[in-house]
Protein backbone atom coordinates (compact mmCIF):
# COMPACT_ATOMS: atom_id res chain seq x y z
CA UNK A 1 0.13 10.31 17.31
CA UNK A 2 -0.25 6.84 18.71
CA UNK A 3 2.05 6.63 21.72
CA UNK A 4 3.06 2.95 21.74
CA UNK A 5 4.88 1.40 18.79
CA UNK A 6 2.81 -0.88 16.61
CA UNK A 7 4.28 -4.04 15.13
CA UNK A 8 2.81 -4.81 11.74
CA UNK A 9 2.98 -8.09 9.87
CA UNK A 10 1.83 -9.27 6.50
CA UNK A 11 -0.52 -12.17 5.79
CA UNK A 12 -2.39 -13.39 2.73
CA UNK A 13 -5.50 -11.26 2.04
CA UNK A 14 -8.70 -13.13 2.81
CA UNK A 15 -12.07 -12.39 1.24
CA UNK A 16 -13.21 -11.14 4.66
CA UNK A 17 -10.30 -8.65 4.70
CA UNK A 18 -11.21 -7.59 1.15
CA UNK A 19 -14.83 -7.03 2.12
CA UNK A 20 -13.74 -4.88 5.09
CA UNK A 21 -11.37 -2.81 2.93
CA UNK A 22 -14.17 -2.05 0.47
CA UNK A 23 -16.11 -0.48 3.32
CA UNK A 24 -13.38 1.99 4.35
CA UNK A 25 -14.30 5.65 3.85
CA UNK A 26 -11.48 8.16 3.46
CA UNK A 27 -12.02 11.88 4.01
CA UNK A 28 -11.40 14.20 1.05
CA UNK A 29 -9.03 14.51 -0.68
CA UNK A 30 -8.00 10.96 0.21
CA UNK A 31 -11.38 9.56 -0.86
CA UNK A 32 -9.83 8.98 -4.28
CA UNK A 33 -8.36 5.88 -2.67
CA UNK A 34 -11.73 4.21 -1.95
CA UNK A 35 -12.90 0.99 -3.60
CA UNK A 36 -16.15 -0.15 -5.16
CA UNK A 37 -18.51 -2.08 -2.88
CA UNK A 38 -17.32 -5.67 -2.27
CA UNK A 39 -20.26 -7.28 -4.10
CA UNK A 40 -19.34 -5.26 -7.22
CA UNK A 41 -15.61 -6.00 -6.91
CA UNK A 42 -16.37 -9.72 -6.58
CA UNK A 43 -19.00 -9.75 -9.39
CA UNK A 44 -16.70 -7.91 -11.78
CA UNK A 45 -13.67 -9.97 -10.74
CA UNK A 46 -11.44 -6.91 -10.54
CA UNK A 47 -8.38 -6.35 -8.37
CA UNK A 48 -8.75 -8.27 -5.09
CA UNK A 49 -12.30 -9.22 -6.12
CA UNK A 50 -10.62 -11.84 -8.35
CA UNK A 51 -9.51 -14.74 -6.07
CA UNK A 52 -6.43 -15.46 -8.24
CA UNK A 53 -5.23 -11.88 -8.30
CA UNK A 54 -5.93 -11.58 -4.58
CA UNK A 55 -3.89 -14.70 -3.82
CA UNK A 56 -1.01 -13.77 -6.13
CA UNK A 57 -0.69 -10.03 -5.58
CA UNK A 58 -2.50 -8.80 -2.49
CA UNK A 59 -1.59 -9.03 1.18
CA UNK A 60 -3.23 -7.77 4.34
CA UNK A 61 -1.29 -5.90 7.01
CA UNK A 62 -2.24 -6.72 10.59
CA UNK A 63 -1.09 -5.41 13.95
CA UNK A 64 0.16 -7.51 16.85
CA UNK A 65 -3.43 -8.28 17.84
CA UNK A 66 -4.24 -9.42 14.29
CA UNK A 67 -6.46 -6.42 13.59
CA UNK A 68 -6.69 -5.53 9.91
CA UNK A 69 -4.71 -2.27 9.49
CA UNK A 70 -4.29 -2.11 5.75
CA UNK A 71 -3.31 -3.88 2.60
CA UNK A 72 -0.77 -3.86 -0.18
CA UNK A 73 -0.58 -5.00 -3.76
CA UNK A 74 2.75 -6.42 -4.81
CA UNK A 75 2.49 -6.11 -8.58
CA UNK A 76 5.30 -7.97 -10.35
CA UNK A 77 6.86 -6.22 -13.35
CA UNK A 78 10.03 -6.96 -15.31
CA UNK A 79 12.87 -6.33 -12.85
CA UNK A 80 10.55 -4.46 -10.44
CA UNK A 81 7.78 -5.06 -7.96
CA UNK A 82 5.42 -2.11 -7.75
CA UNK A 83 3.67 -1.53 -4.49
CA UNK A 84 0.09 -0.29 -4.04
CA UNK A 85 -0.50 0.58 -0.41
CA UNK A 86 -3.60 1.36 1.65
CA UNK A 87 -3.88 2.01 5.39
CA UNK A 88 -7.12 1.87 7.34
CA UNK A 89 -8.46 5.44 7.40
CA UNK A 90 -8.55 5.86 11.19
CA UNK A 91 -4.84 4.93 11.38
CA UNK A 92 -3.69 7.53 8.82
CA UNK A 93 -1.95 10.61 10.10
CA UNK A 94 -0.72 9.10 13.41
CA UNK A 95 2.95 8.63 12.57
CA UNK A 96 2.64 4.90 11.84
CA UNK A 97 3.22 5.07 8.08
CA UNK A 98 6.90 4.21 8.06
CA UNK A 99 6.30 1.14 10.28
CA UNK A 100 3.39 0.07 8.10
CA UNK A 101 5.29 0.52 4.82
CA UNK A 102 8.36 -1.12 6.33
CA UNK A 103 6.39 -4.36 6.86
CA UNK A 104 5.23 -4.27 3.24
CA UNK A 105 8.70 -3.59 1.87
CA UNK A 106 10.13 -6.50 3.91
CA UNK A 107 7.51 -8.78 2.32
CA UNK A 108 8.26 -7.48 -1.18
CA UNK A 109 12.01 -8.06 -0.67
CA UNK A 110 11.32 -11.56 0.69
CA UNK A 111 9.24 -12.46 -2.34
CA UNK A 112 11.30 -10.61 -4.96
CA UNK A 113 14.86 -10.22 -3.51
CA UNK A 114 16.51 -9.35 -6.85
CA UNK A 115 13.93 -6.84 -8.03
CA UNK A 116 13.76 -3.13 -7.55
CA UNK A 117 10.84 -2.01 -5.30
CA UNK A 118 8.92 1.04 -6.35
CA UNK A 119 5.58 2.74 -5.94
CA UNK A 120 3.51 5.56 -7.39
CA UNK A 121 2.03 8.34 -5.31
CA UNK A 122 -0.01 11.45 -6.16
CA UNK A 123 2.28 14.45 -5.86
CA UNK A 124 -0.08 16.20 -3.42
CA UNK A 125 -0.05 13.29 -0.93
CA UNK A 126 2.73 14.70 1.25
CA UNK A 127 1.63 12.58 4.23
CA UNK A 128 2.37 9.37 2.32
CA UNK A 129 5.48 10.80 0.68
CA UNK A 130 6.98 11.58 4.16
CA UNK A 131 6.34 7.97 5.26
CA UNK A 132 7.87 6.56 2.06
CA UNK A 133 10.97 8.75 2.42
CA UNK A 134 11.35 7.70 6.06
CA UNK A 135 11.43 4.08 4.82
CA UNK A 136 14.12 4.74 2.22
CA UNK A 137 12.19 5.63 -0.93
CA UNK A 138 13.30 8.50 -3.16
CA UNK A 139 11.47 10.28 -5.97
CA UNK A 140 12.90 9.22 -9.32
CA UNK A 141 10.28 10.43 -11.81
CA UNK A 142 7.20 12.64 -12.17
CA UNK A 143 4.46 11.98 -14.77
CA UNK A 144 0.72 12.23 -15.41
CA UNK A 145 -1.56 9.22 -14.99
CA UNK A 146 -5.25 8.72 -15.49
CA UNK A 147 -7.30 8.50 -12.30
CA UNK A 148 -11.10 8.33 -11.77
CA UNK A 149 -10.93 12.16 -11.57
CA UNK A 150 -8.91 12.72 -14.79
CA UNK A 151 -5.17 13.09 -15.41
CA UNK A 152 -3.17 13.75 -12.27
CA UNK A 153 0.55 14.18 -11.50
CA UNK A 154 2.34 11.29 -9.82
CA UNK A 155 5.77 10.61 -8.46
CA UNK A 156 7.53 7.30 -8.94
CA UNK A 157 9.49 6.48 -5.80
CA UNK A 158 12.12 3.76 -5.65
CA UNK A 159 13.30 1.99 -2.52
CA UNK A 160 17.02 2.15 -1.76
CA UNK A 161 17.92 -1.38 -0.63
CA UNK A 162 20.99 0.00 1.15
CA UNK A 163 18.59 1.77 3.54
CA UNK A 164 17.20 -1.50 4.97
CA UNK A 165 17.87 -0.11 8.48
CA UNK A 166 14.80 2.09 7.88
CA UNK A 167 12.49 -0.94 7.82
CA UNK A 168 12.60 -1.64 11.53
């Protein structure tokens, strides 16, 4: 656990942030969350390697000293904004998840106040599920989705806007 509280804030994702994120290495089984090398992401124009998608959908999450701590995708759908969330590997597992996710949810609600906020998470990722629940998300559905390692079970979790007190 990190002893002092961390204050996270959201900023537009820069190409420098994107390059850093592509270098993050997660330990198994979390290594499924890694990205291609930045030069490949940029050359293929996929996800945050595409400047337009990066500008419209991706944000970086910084701490109070402006250190890059993670990122989020705010993917707009009809009536919903779906979150994709990634925390810097060395920060995972230290009890900061709910503060980190809270900053992202605040940004999603600011951008899309009338939309539902949801996310998908692999059912085995109990560490993330605990953080999401602490922020006010509840499991609403379970289904299989294709991953780089084949079909895997996911939960869909929806944010309860009446639980906004959990975002602080």
